[in-house]
Protein backbone atom coordinates (compact mmCIF):
# COMPACT_ATOMS: atom_id res chain seq x y z
CA UNK A 1 0.00 0.00 0.00
CA UNK A 2 1.40 3.39 -0.98
CA UNK A 3 2.30 5.79 1.81
CA UNK A 4 1.64 9.00 -0.12
CA UNK A 5 -0.85 10.26 2.47
CA UNK A 6 1.95 10.58 5.04
CA UNK A 7 3.83 12.90 2.70
CA UNK A 8 0.68 14.85 1.94
CA UNK A 9 -0.11 15.16 5.65
CA UNK A 10 3.36 16.59 6.28
CA UNK A 11 2.84 19.05 3.46
CA UNK A 12 -0.56 20.13 4.75
CA UNK A 13 0.81 20.44 8.29
CA UNK A 14 3.62 22.62 7.02
CA UNK A 15 1.12 24.76 5.13
CA UNK A 16 -1.16 25.03 8.15
CA UNK A 17 1.73 26.55 10.10
CA UNK A 18 2.26 29.22 7.47
CA UNK A 19 0.88 32.38 9.15
CA UNK A 20 0.74 34.40 5.92
CA UNK A 21 -2.10 32.28 4.59
CA UNK A 22 -4.60 33.43 7.22
CA UNK A 23 -8.09 31.99 7.61
CA UNK A 24 -9.30 33.33 4.25
CA UNK A 25 -7.03 31.10 2.15
CA UNK A 26 -10.00 29.32 0.47
CA UNK A 27 -10.69 32.59 -1.39
CA UNK A 28 -7.28 32.46 -3.07
CA UNK A 29 -7.53 28.98 -4.52
CA UNK A 30 -6.84 28.42 -8.20
CA UNK A 31 -8.81 25.29 -9.07
CA UNK A 32 -9.01 25.24 -12.86
CA UNK A 33 -8.68 22.66 -15.61
CA UNK A 34 -5.38 24.19 -16.72
CA UNK A 35 -2.45 21.79 -16.81
CA UNK A 36 -2.37 18.11 -15.96
CA UNK A 37 -4.56 18.38 -12.86
CA UNK A 38 -8.15 18.95 -13.98
CA UNK A 39 -9.49 20.31 -10.70
CA UNK A 40 -12.95 21.19 -11.99
CA UNK A 41 -13.39 17.71 -13.45
CA UNK A 42 -12.25 16.20 -10.14
CA UNK A 43 -14.74 18.39 -8.30
CA UNK A 44 -17.59 17.16 -10.50
CA UNK A 45 -16.58 13.51 -9.95
CA UNK A 46 -16.37 13.96 -6.19
CA UNK A 47 -19.76 15.68 -6.06
CA UNK A 48 -21.31 12.87 -8.09
CA UNK A 49 -20.08 10.27 -5.63
CA UNK A 50 -21.20 12.32 -2.61
CA UNK A 51 -24.69 12.79 -4.08
CA UNK A 52 -25.00 9.06 -4.73
CA UNK A 53 -24.01 8.36 -1.15
CA UNK A 54 -26.50 10.96 0.15
CA UNK A 55 -29.40 9.10 -1.47
CA UNK A 56 -28.11 5.63 -0.63
CA UNK A 57 -27.08 4.61 -4.14
CA UNK A 58 -24.03 2.36 -4.58
CA UNK A 59 -20.87 3.84 -6.05
CA UNK A 60 -19.84 2.81 -9.54
CA UNK A 61 -16.70 0.69 -9.37
CA UNK A 62 -15.27 2.09 -12.60
CA UNK A 63 -15.67 5.68 -11.40
CA UNK A 64 -14.08 4.88 -8.03
CA UNK A 65 -11.07 3.29 -9.70
CA UNK A 66 -10.71 6.21 -12.11
CA UNK A 67 -10.86 8.70 -9.25
CA UNK A 68 -8.33 6.67 -7.26
CA UNK A 69 -5.89 6.82 -10.18
CA UNK A 70 -6.33 10.57 -10.55
CA UNK A 71 -5.95 11.04 -6.80
CA UNK A 72 -2.64 9.16 -6.83
CA UNK A 73 -1.47 11.31 -9.75
CA UNK A 74 -2.32 14.52 -7.89
CA UNK A 75 -0.45 13.42 -4.79
CA UNK A 76 2.60 12.52 -6.84
CA UNK A 77 2.58 16.13 -7.96
CA UNK A 78 1.89 17.86 -4.63
CA UNK A 79 2.83 15.27 -2.02
CA UNK A 80 5.94 17.14 -0.89
CA UNK A 81 4.07 20.38 -0.40
CA UNK A 82 3.89 23.69 -2.20
CA UNK A 83 4.13 27.07 -0.50
CA UNK A 84 2.15 28.99 -3.13
CA UNK A 85 -1.20 30.21 -1.86
CA UNK A 86 -2.78 29.80 -5.30
CA UNK A 87 -2.38 26.03 -5.38
CA UNK A 88 -5.74 24.25 -5.10
CA UNK A 89 -5.29 23.11 -1.52
CA UNK A 90 -9.03 22.73 -0.98
CA UNK A 91 -9.06 20.22 -3.83
CA UNK A 92 -6.07 18.37 -2.44
CA UNK A 93 -7.64 18.20 1.04
CA UNK A 94 -10.90 16.92 -0.41
CA UNK A 95 -9.07 14.17 -2.28
CA UNK A 96 -7.29 13.12 0.90
CA UNK A 97 -10.56 12.93 2.80
CA UNK A 98 -11.97 10.88 -0.10
CA UNK A 99 -9.04 8.50 0.37
CA UNK A 100 -9.93 8.34 4.06
CA UNK A 101 -13.47 7.31 3.12
CA UNK A 102 -12.20 4.63 0.77
CA UNK A 103 -9.39 3.22 2.95
CA UNK A 104 -10.74 3.53 6.49
CA UNK A 105 -9.63 2.05 8.89
CA UNK A 106 -6.34 1.20 7.16
CA UNK A 107 -5.99 4.92 6.72
CA UNK A 108 -7.17 6.52 9.98
CA UNK A 109 -8.10 10.00 11.15
CA UNK A 110 -4.99 9.96 13.31
CA UNK A 111 -2.94 9.91 10.08
CA UNK A 112 -4.47 13.14 8.79
CA UNK A 113 -3.70 15.60 11.57
CA UNK A 114 -2.01 17.99 9.13
CA UNK A 115 -5.07 18.02 6.88
CA UNK A 116 -7.35 18.70 9.84
CA UNK A 117 -5.08 21.52 11.02
CA UNK A 118 -5.27 23.15 7.60
CA UNK A 119 -9.05 22.79 7.35
CA UNK A 120 -9.63 24.05 10.88
CA UNK A 121 -7.47 27.12 10.13
CA UNK A 122 -9.79 28.17 7.28
CA UNK A 123 -12.93 30.24 7.68
CA UNK A 124 -15.60 27.57 7.23
CA UNK A 125 -18.10 30.03 5.80
CA UNK A 126 -15.62 30.52 2.92
CA UNK A 127 -15.14 26.77 2.56
CA UNK A 128 -18.90 26.56 1.93
CA UNK A 129 -18.40 28.71 -1.18
CA UNK A 130 -15.80 26.41 -2.74
CA UNK A 131 -16.53 23.82 -5.42
CA UNK A 132 -15.44 20.75 -3.45
CA UNK A 133 -17.72 18.57 -1.23
CA UNK A 134 -15.24 18.42 1.62
CA UNK A 135 -17.91 18.31 4.36
CA UNK A 136 -19.94 15.71 2.46
CA UNK A 137 -16.94 13.38 2.48
CA UNK A 138 -16.28 14.04 6.16
CA UNK A 139 -19.89 13.07 6.82
CA UNK A 140 -19.16 9.69 5.23
CA UNK A 141 -16.01 9.36 7.34
CA UNK A 142 -18.07 10.12 10.45
CA UNK A 143 -20.45 7.29 9.60
CA UNK A 144 -17.50 4.89 9.37
CA UNK A 145 -15.86 6.15 12.56
CA UNK A 146 -19.15 5.75 14.45
CA UNK A 147 -19.41 2.10 13.42
CA UNK A 148 -17.14 -0.29 15.31
CA UNK A 149 -18.27 -2.85 12.74
CA UNK A 150 -16.07 -0.91 10.30
CA UNK A 151 -13.35 0.54 12.47
CA UNK A 152 -12.30 -2.24 14.83
CA UNK A 153 -8.93 -3.81 14.08
CA UNK A 154 -9.83 -7.13 15.70
CA UNK A 155 -12.17 -9.26 13.53
CA UNK A 156 -13.20 -11.47 16.45
CA UNK A 157 -14.78 -8.45 18.14
CA UNK A 158 -16.65 -7.12 15.10
CA UNK A 159 -19.92 -8.80 16.01
CA UNK A 160 -21.63 -8.77 19.36
CA UNK A 161 -25.09 -9.87 20.36
CA UNK A 162 -27.76 -7.46 19.18
CA UNK A 163 -26.03 -6.38 15.97
CA UNK A 164 -23.12 -4.07 15.15
CA UNK A 165 -21.39 -2.58 18.15
CA UNK A 166 -21.17 1.21 18.47
CA UNK A 167 -17.80 2.71 19.22
CA UNK A 168 -17.05 4.28 22.60
CA UNK A 169 -18.37 7.82 22.95
CA UNK A 170 -15.94 10.74 22.70
CA UNK A 171 -15.25 12.84 25.78
CA UNK A 172 -17.60 15.58 24.68
CA UNK A 173 -20.62 13.29 24.25
CA UNK A 174 -20.03 11.87 27.74
CA UNK A 175 -20.86 15.30 29.20
CA UNK A 176 -24.58 14.81 28.45
CA UNK A 177 -27.29 12.29 29.17
CA UNK A 178 -30.57 11.87 27.32
CA UNK A 179 -29.74 13.97 24.21
CA UNK A 180 -30.53 11.28 21.64
CA UNK A 181 -33.78 13.02 20.65
CA UNK A 182 -31.85 16.17 19.77
CA UNK A 183 -29.30 14.16 17.79
CA UNK A 184 -32.03 12.29 15.89
CA UNK A 185 -33.72 15.60 15.06
CA UNK A 186 -30.47 16.98 13.60
CA UNK A 187 -30.01 13.78 11.57
CA UNK A 188 -33.52 14.22 10.14
CA UNK A 189 -32.88 17.93 9.49
CA UNK A 190 -29.81 17.12 7.41
CA UNK A 191 -31.64 14.46 5.39
CA UNK A 192 -34.57 16.80 4.76
CA UNK A 193 -32.23 19.58 3.63
CA UNK A 194 -30.45 17.27 1.19
CA UNK A 195 -33.83 16.16 -0.18
CA UNK A 196 -34.78 19.85 -0.69
CA UNK A 197 -37.73 19.59 1.70
CA UNK A 198 -39.08 22.34 3.94
CA UNK A 199 -37.17 22.72 7.22
CA UNK A 200 -38.46 23.66 10.65
CA UNK A 201 -36.46 24.53 13.72
CA UNK A 202 -37.13 22.57 16.88
CA UNK A 203 -35.68 24.00 20.07
CA UNK A 204 -35.00 21.79 23.08
CA UNK A 205 -35.76 22.94 26.60
CA UNK A 206 -32.06 22.69 27.46
CA UNK A 207 -28.89 23.04 25.43
CA UNK A 208 -26.32 20.24 25.58
CA UNK A 209 -23.25 20.76 27.72
CA UNK A 210 -21.06 19.32 24.98
CA UNK A 211 -19.63 22.22 22.90
CA UNK A 212 -19.93 20.08 19.77
CA UNK A 213 -23.66 19.75 20.45
CA UNK A 214 -23.93 23.49 21.01
CA UNK A 215 -22.17 24.12 17.68
CA UNK A 216 -24.51 21.65 15.96
CA UNK A 217 -27.53 23.57 17.25
CA UNK A 218 -26.02 26.80 15.93
CA UNK A 219 -25.52 25.27 12.49
CA UNK A 220 -29.09 23.92 12.53
CA UNK A 221 -30.33 27.49 12.95
CA UNK A 222 -28.16 28.58 10.00
CA UNK A 223 -29.53 25.76 7.83
CA UNK A 224 -33.14 26.69 8.60
CA UNK A 225 -32.39 30.36 7.85
CA UNK A 226 -30.96 29.48 4.43
CA UNK A 227 -33.97 27.26 3.70
CA UNK A 228 -36.39 30.01 4.69
CA UNK A 229 -34.79 33.14 3.22
CA UNK A 230 -32.32 31.93 0.58
CA UNK A 231 -28.60 32.52 0.40
CA UNK A 232 -28.75 36.23 -0.47
CA UNK A 233 -30.88 37.33 2.46
CA UNK A 234 -29.52 34.83 4.96
CA UNK A 235 -25.82 35.11 4.11
CA UNK A 236 -24.77 37.76 6.70
CA UNK A 237 -26.47 35.85 9.51
CA UNK A 238 -25.31 32.51 8.10
CA UNK A 239 -21.67 33.60 7.98
CA UNK A 240 -21.93 34.80 11.59
CA UNK A 241 -23.54 31.56 12.78
CA UNK A 242 -21.01 29.36 10.98
CA UNK A 243 -18.15 31.41 12.42
CA UNK A 244 -19.65 31.09 15.91
CA UNK A 245 -20.03 27.31 15.54
CA UNK A 246 -16.46 26.97 14.27
CA UNK A 247 -15.16 28.91 17.28
CA UNK A 248 -17.07 26.60 19.62
CA UNK A 249 -15.59 23.53 17.94
CA UNK A 250 -11.99 24.70 17.67
CA UNK A 251 -11.92 26.15 21.18
CA UNK A 252 -13.15 22.87 22.67
CA UNK A 253 -10.72 20.75 20.67
CA UNK A 254 -7.75 23.00 21.45
CA UNK A 255 -8.47 22.88 25.18
CA UNK A 256 -8.57 19.08 25.31
CA UNK A 257 -5.74 17.47 27.27
CA UNK A 258 -3.25 15.29 25.43
CA UNK A 259 -4.69 12.02 24.12
CA UNK A 260 -3.20 8.69 25.14
CA UNK A 261 -1.42 6.44 22.67
CA UNK A 262 -3.81 4.94 20.14
CA UNK A 263 -5.76 1.94 21.36
CA UNK A 264 -8.60 0.87 19.13
CA UNK A 265 -11.37 0.36 21.67
CA UNK A 266 -10.57 3.12 24.17
CA UNK A 267 -12.29 5.96 22.35
CA UNK A 268 -10.85 8.74 20.17
CA UNK A 269 -7.09 9.17 20.23
CA UNK A 270 -6.79 12.60 18.59
CA UNK A 271 -8.76 15.82 18.12
CA UNK A 272 -9.88 14.96 14.58
CA UNK A 273 -11.24 11.61 15.83
CA UNK A 274 -12.93 13.38 18.74
CA UNK A 275 -14.92 15.45 16.26
CA UNK A 276 -15.83 12.64 13.87
CA UNK A 277 -16.65 10.06 16.54
CA UNK A 278 -19.27 12.37 18.04
CA UNK A 279 -22.95 11.57 17.50
CA UNK A 280 -23.60 15.25 16.78
CA UNK A 281 -24.11 15.86 13.03
CA UNK A 282 -21.66 18.76 12.74
CA UNK A 283 -20.09 17.92 9.38
CA UNK A 284 -23.46 16.73 8.07
CA UNK A 285 -24.98 20.14 8.83
CA UNK A 286 -22.09 21.89 7.10
CA UNK A 287 -22.55 19.60 4.10
CA UNK A 288 -26.27 20.38 3.95
CA UNK A 289 -25.50 24.10 4.14
CA UNK A 290 -23.10 23.83 1.20
CA UNK A 291 -25.62 21.86 -0.86
CA UNK A 292 -28.41 24.35 -0.16
CA UNK A 293 -26.19 27.29 -1.04
CA UNK A 294 -25.00 25.76 -4.30
CA UNK A 295 -28.50 25.23 -5.69
CA UNK A 296 -28.92 28.13 -8.10
CA UNK A 297 -32.09 30.23 -8.05
CA UNK A 298 -31.58 31.19 -11.70
CA UNK A 299 -33.71 29.26 -14.21
CA UNK A 300 -32.40 30.93 -17.39
CA UNK A 301 -32.73 28.37 -20.19
CA UNK A 302 -29.37 28.91 -21.91
CA UNK A 303 -27.02 30.81 -19.59
CA UNK A 304 -27.88 30.34 -15.90
CA UNK A 305 -25.87 32.41 -13.49
CA UNK A 306 -23.76 30.79 -10.75
CA UNK A 307 -25.66 30.57 -7.48
CA UNK A 308 -23.39 33.06 -5.72
CA UNK A 309 -24.02 35.68 -8.41
CA UNK A 310 -27.75 35.12 -8.57
CA UNK A 311 -27.97 35.45 -4.78
CA UNK A 312 -25.82 38.61 -4.62
CA UNK A 313 -27.37 41.96 -3.57
CA UNK A 314 -27.66 43.15 -7.20
CA UNK A 315 -28.40 39.69 -8.54
CA UNK A 316 -32.18 40.16 -8.64
CA UNK A 317 -31.92 43.08 -11.06
CA UNK A 318 -29.64 41.07 -13.36
CA UNK A 319 -31.99 38.10 -13.33
CA UNK A 320 -34.99 40.25 -14.23
CA UNK A 321 -33.28 42.07 -17.13
CA UNK A 322 -33.70 39.73 -20.10
CA UNK A 323 -34.05 42.36 -22.85
CA UNK A 324 -31.44 45.13 -22.71
CA UNK A 325 -28.02 44.95 -24.35
CA UNK A 326 -26.34 45.84 -21.05
CA UNK A 327 -28.31 43.15 -19.22
CA UNK A 328 -27.26 40.56 -21.80
CA UNK A 329 -23.62 41.58 -21.51
CA UNK A 330 -23.71 41.47 -17.70
CA UNK A 331 -25.28 38.03 -17.76
CA UNK A 332 -22.67 36.80 -20.25
CA UNK A 333 -19.83 38.25 -18.19
CA UNK A 334 -21.04 36.75 -14.92
CA UNK A 335 -22.02 33.39 -16.37
CA UNK A 336 -18.67 33.00 -18.17
CA UNK A 337 -16.54 34.70 -15.53
CA UNK A 338 -14.61 31.55 -14.72
CA UNK A 339 -14.38 30.10 -18.22
CA UNK A 340 -13.52 33.24 -20.22
CA UNK A 341 -12.51 36.04 -17.85
CA UNK A 342 -10.52 34.29 -15.13
CA UNK A 343 -6.88 35.31 -15.37
CA UNK A 344 -5.56 32.43 -13.26
CA UNK A 345 -7.06 29.80 -15.52
CA UNK A 346 -7.44 29.49 -19.28
CA UNK A 347 -9.98 32.30 -19.48
CA UNK A 348 -8.01 34.53 -21.88
CA UNK A 349 -7.42 31.68 -24.32
CA UNK A 350 -11.12 30.71 -24.25
CA UNK A 351 -12.26 34.30 -24.76
CA UNK A 352 -9.90 34.85 -27.68
CA UNK A 353 -10.87 31.54 -29.27
CA UNK A 354 -14.53 32.56 -29.22
CA UNK A 355 -13.82 36.11 -30.46
CA UNK A 356 -11.46 35.38 -33.36
CA UNK A 357 -13.99 33.86 -35.79
CA UNK A 358 -15.86 37.19 -36.00
CA UNK A 359 -12.89 38.82 -37.78
CA UNK A 360 -12.21 36.13 -40.36
CA UNK A 361 -12.44 37.14 -43.98
CA UNK A 362 -12.18 40.86 -43.14
CA UNK A 363 -8.86 41.56 -44.89
CA UNK A 364 -5.98 42.91 -42.79
CA UNK A 365 -5.96 41.61 -39.22
CA UNK A 366 -3.44 42.87 -36.67
CA UNK A 367 -2.98 41.29 -33.24
CA UNK A 368 -0.71 42.84 -30.58
CA UNK A 369 0.56 40.82 -27.60
CA UNK A 370 2.30 43.01 -24.99
CA UNK A 371 3.90 40.81 -22.35
CA UNK A 372 4.19 37.88 -24.73
CA UNK A 373 6.16 35.43 -22.57
CA UNK A 374 5.17 31.85 -23.44
CA UNK A 375 5.03 30.21 -20.02
CA UNK A 376 3.54 26.79 -19.18
CA UNK A 377 0.14 26.65 -20.93
CA UNK A 378 0.04 30.39 -21.64
CA UNK A 379 1.18 31.41 -25.13
CA UNK A 380 -1.33 33.76 -26.71
CA UNK A 381 0.94 34.60 -29.66
CA UNK A 382 0.90 30.93 -30.67
CA UNK A 383 -2.89 30.90 -30.54
CA UNK A 384 -3.10 34.10 -32.61
CA UNK A 385 -0.70 32.72 -35.22
CA UNK A 386 -2.91 29.66 -35.61
CA UNK A 387 -5.41 31.97 -37.32
CA UNK A 388 -3.15 31.77 -40.37
CA UNK A 389 -4.44 28.24 -40.95
CA UNK A 390 -8.06 29.16 -40.26
CA UNK A 391 -8.40 32.42 -42.19
CA UNK A 392 -7.25 31.80 -45.77
CA UNK A 393 -8.20 35.29 -46.95
CA UNK A 394 -7.00 37.38 -44.01
CA UNK A 395 -3.68 39.23 -44.05
CA UNK A 396 -2.65 38.38 -40.49
CA UNK A 397 0.14 40.08 -38.56
CA UNK A 398 1.05 39.26 -34.93
CA UNK A 399 3.22 41.79 -33.07
CA UNK A 400 4.63 40.34 -29.83
CA UNK A 401 6.68 42.30 -27.27
CA UNK A 402 8.58 40.77 -24.34
CA UNK A 403 11.24 42.85 -22.51
CA UNK A 404 12.93 40.26 -20.26
CA UNK A 405 15.90 38.76 -22.13
CA UNK A 406 15.54 35.20 -20.83
CA UNK A 407 11.76 35.22 -21.28
CA UNK A 408 12.22 36.62 -24.77
CA UNK A 409 14.61 33.82 -25.75
CA UNK A 410 12.31 31.14 -24.32
CA UNK A 411 9.34 32.60 -26.17
CA UNK A 412 11.37 32.81 -29.36
CA UNK A 413 12.38 29.16 -28.98
CA UNK A 414 8.76 28.07 -28.62
CA UNK A 415 7.47 30.12 -31.52
CA UNK A 416 10.22 28.99 -33.90
CA UNK A 417 8.82 25.44 -33.58
CA UNK A 418 5.65 26.55 -35.34
CA UNK A 419 5.17 26.03 -39.09
CA UNK A 420 7.27 28.41 -41.15
CA UNK A 421 4.16 29.66 -42.90
CA UNK A 422 2.93 30.88 -39.52
CA UNK A 423 6.28 32.39 -38.53
CA UNK A 424 6.22 34.69 -41.56
CA UNK A 425 3.32 36.54 -39.91
CA UNK A 426 5.15 37.03 -36.58
CA UNK A 427 7.02 40.16 -35.47
CA UNK A 428 8.67 39.31 -32.13
CA UNK A 429 10.62 42.11 -30.46
CA UNK A 430 12.43 42.54 -27.15
CA UNK A 431 10.93 45.79 -25.85
CA UNK A 432 8.57 47.15 -23.22
CA UNK A 433 5.54 49.34 -23.83
CA UNK A 434 4.85 52.43 -21.78
CA UNK A 435 3.64 56.01 -22.01
CA UNK A 436 6.94 57.58 -23.17
CA UNK A 437 10.24 56.65 -24.82
CA UNK A 438 13.09 55.86 -22.43
CA UNK A 439 15.12 53.08 -20.86
CA UNK A 440 13.99 51.58 -17.56
CA UNK A 441 14.95 48.91 -15.05
CA UNK A 442 13.07 45.63 -15.35
CA UNK A 443 12.82 43.77 -12.03
CA UNK A 444 12.74 39.98 -11.80
CA UNK A 445 13.67 37.11 -14.08
CA UNK A 446 10.52 34.96 -14.15
CA UNK A 447 7.00 35.37 -15.53
CA UNK A 448 6.31 38.05 -12.90
CA UNK A 449 9.09 40.37 -14.16
CA UNK A 450 7.89 43.97 -13.98
CA UNK A 451 8.94 47.56 -14.55
CA UNK A 452 7.63 48.20 -11.03
CA UNK A 453 9.83 46.83 -8.27
CA UNK A 454 6.94 46.12 -5.90
CA UNK A 455 4.72 44.32 -8.39
CA UNK A 456 6.68 41.14 -9.06
CA UNK A 457 6.92 39.96 -5.46
CA UNK A 458 10.70 39.51 -5.27
CA UNK A 459 10.54 35.70 -5.41
CA UNK A 460 11.54 33.13 -8.00
CA UNK A 461 9.80 29.72 -8.00
CA UNK A 462 11.52 26.60 -9.32
CA UNK A 463 10.27 23.06 -9.88
CA UNK A 464 12.61 20.52 -8.23
CA UNK A 465 10.83 17.41 -9.45
CA UNK A 466 8.63 14.93 -7.56
CA UNK A 467 6.09 17.68 -6.96
CA UNK A 468 8.48 19.86 -4.97
CA UNK A 469 8.72 23.59 -5.53
CA UNK A 470 11.37 25.89 -4.05
CA UNK A 471 11.29 29.67 -3.70
CA UNK A 472 14.32 31.95 -3.63
CA UNK A 473 14.99 35.65 -3.64
CA UNK A 474 14.91 37.17 -7.13
CA UNK A 475 17.01 40.33 -7.29
CA UNK A 476 17.60 40.23 -11.05
CA UNK A 477 17.41 43.58 -12.89
CA UNK A 478 18.15 44.60 -16.46
CA UNK A 479 17.81 47.73 -18.58
CA UNK A 480 15.16 47.56 -21.30
CA UNK A 481 13.91 50.00 -23.95
CA UNK A 482 10.44 51.46 -23.31
CA UNK A 483 8.28 53.07 -26.00
CA UNK A 484 4.63 54.00 -26.42
CA UNK A 485 2.62 51.53 -28.48
CA UNK A 486 1.97 54.21 -31.08
CA UNK A 487 5.76 54.36 -31.63
CA UNK A 488 6.37 50.60 -31.52
CA UNK A 489 4.32 49.81 -34.62
CA UNK A 490 2.72 51.62 -37.53
CA UNK A 491 -0.57 49.99 -38.46
CA UNK A 492 -3.93 51.28 -39.56
CA UNK A 493 -5.92 49.30 -37.01
CA UNK A 494 -5.61 46.63 -34.31
CA UNK A 495 -8.19 43.87 -34.03
CA UNK A 496 -7.00 42.66 -30.61
CA UNK A 497 -4.65 44.25 -28.08
CA UNK A 498 -3.63 42.08 -25.11
CA UNK A 499 -1.77 43.70 -22.19
CA UNK A 500 -0.23 41.67 -19.35
CA UNK A 501 2.75 43.60 -18.00
CA UNK A 502 2.64 42.95 -14.25
CA UNK A 503 1.64 46.34 -12.91
CA UNK A 504 2.18 48.81 -15.77
CA UNK A 505 -1.07 48.28 -17.68
CA UNK A 506 -2.20 51.87 -17.14
CA UNK A 507 1.01 53.26 -18.66
CA UNK A 508 0.63 50.97 -21.68
CA UNK A 509 -2.93 52.22 -22.21
CA UNK A 510 -1.73 55.81 -22.00
CA UNK A 511 0.86 55.06 -24.70
CA UNK A 512 -1.83 53.49 -26.88
CA UNK A 513 -4.28 56.33 -26.30
CA UNK A 514 -3.80 57.99 -29.74
CA UNK A 515 -4.87 54.73 -31.38
CA UNK A 516 -7.77 54.23 -28.97
CA UNK A 517 -9.31 57.69 -29.36
CA UNK A 518 -9.14 57.31 -33.15
CA UNK A 519 -11.14 54.05 -32.76
CA UNK A 520 -8.35 52.03 -34.35
CA UNK A 521 -8.39 49.35 -31.63
CA UNK A 522 -11.33 46.95 -31.79
CA UNK A 523 -10.83 45.06 -28.51
CA UNK A 524 -8.50 45.17 -25.50
CA UNK A 525 -7.72 42.41 -23.02
CA UNK A 526 -5.80 43.43 -19.92
CA UNK A 527 -5.18 42.32 -16.38
CA UNK A 528 -7.23 44.18 -13.79
CA UNK A 529 -7.44 43.85 -10.04
CA UNK A 530 -9.96 45.63 -7.82
CA UNK A 531 -8.78 46.46 -4.29
CA UNK A 532 -10.93 48.31 -1.75
CA UNK A 533 -13.23 49.58 -4.46
CA UNK A 534 -10.38 50.96 -6.58
CA UNK A 535 -9.32 49.55 -9.94
CA UNK A 536 -5.61 48.78 -9.90
CA UNK A 537 -3.49 47.41 -12.72
CA UNK A 538 -1.15 45.00 -10.98
CA UNK A 539 0.85 41.90 -11.78
CA UNK A 540 -1.56 39.54 -10.08
CA UNK A 541 -4.48 37.32 -10.96
CA UNK A 542 -7.50 39.44 -11.77
CA UNK A 543 -10.61 39.83 -13.91
CA UNK A 544 -10.27 40.50 -17.58
């Protein structure tokens, strides 16, 4: 049996100790289908299995084996850890909890302390907004942990008179007597929520002394609120209730004394086991909350909006506007935000692929790629040059500018592998675009190289193999020529202008302004980041 989960646990534990991540790290996840790890496809497969389990259907053996193979591949890539915040850690954690479901008790909760530390460090209300059914899988783990029929290591003790034996209660559950009615009510509440039935809150005359039970009651209130008012109206209260429940759980678990060495029939042996061996449906309630939130209220026949957009404060107005040009554009933008406008994924490539056919057969076509470094999957100039094969009548010219010497040479090497017929339409130049002619210092040697010292982050990331990535200080600088776009090329019009220059987008636009005001630029794609209500052009992932 492979021991990859030990490596992954060490990686997650290391990440959980990284203070710079904070509790809002789920917001900074990049979980796309770019590259070899198809995170969105994995998310869909995991949700399918969780939904089948929720309704009591058996899992398909072929799908389980396929997911197991993909899970092993992902851990080979990230098993040694990765200190970039943008890595899809929520996806990796979900896969590890799926492995726990599949391999329990050979793989035990005690083996995933690093994963639990990372999950408990996140704001759970933000985890509810992610695309992975992490709480649904933990609910399945809880069912296994609560069954000594499944978790005992001694086969002779698996059966006792009267049926399967229940495992010893955790310390928290031992604080209360006669709370089974409350626990059964919460079980029924979760099942009703997953079946999309109406929910009603039942209050007991006394709250449990167990903090896990108190947190479960808090989450039950949140679930009923979402059922009654919907995600948009209930979200502020829901976020507060989930945060309150999380504080109750983590405070109790952190204050527990040290657990004894693991002994199978002496109750939980770690904090993660203490949570999952409880009869309180904590993770089940969180799972039901996530399911209820993810059910979109938008019934548009061709382009439904994501649930989070349709439930937003201005979402109602967008949903009701089915006629105006602006309403159609807003719906398109929001519905395709991830697939066509997401800078961290393959959004730019998808957007360009859908836009290019409109210009075919129109005569002269000029494409300008400023910040043209071909890095990993990103190489827009290559995609633009492919139009040569698709538009037999168009006179296509691709102007590509990359100031960093090493990046320029790497891009040149990639583009020279293209068919010679394509290369005749390429004008690749080592230069930077700005709002005036000069020479300037370029900071950094990687894909984040920038004319602004503070934009590139000062770090260089290198792949070491076996999934390991190492960061080091990047103090590289070099002098580069800077010219306005209007001075870099003399063309009558530009069909597409792409700008990705790590912080100097505004200066590039100022240099291109003479062309823009004369309506000689048809479309512009640039990197944009909004911070505290202010639009800022920076070298970071943003909306396009």
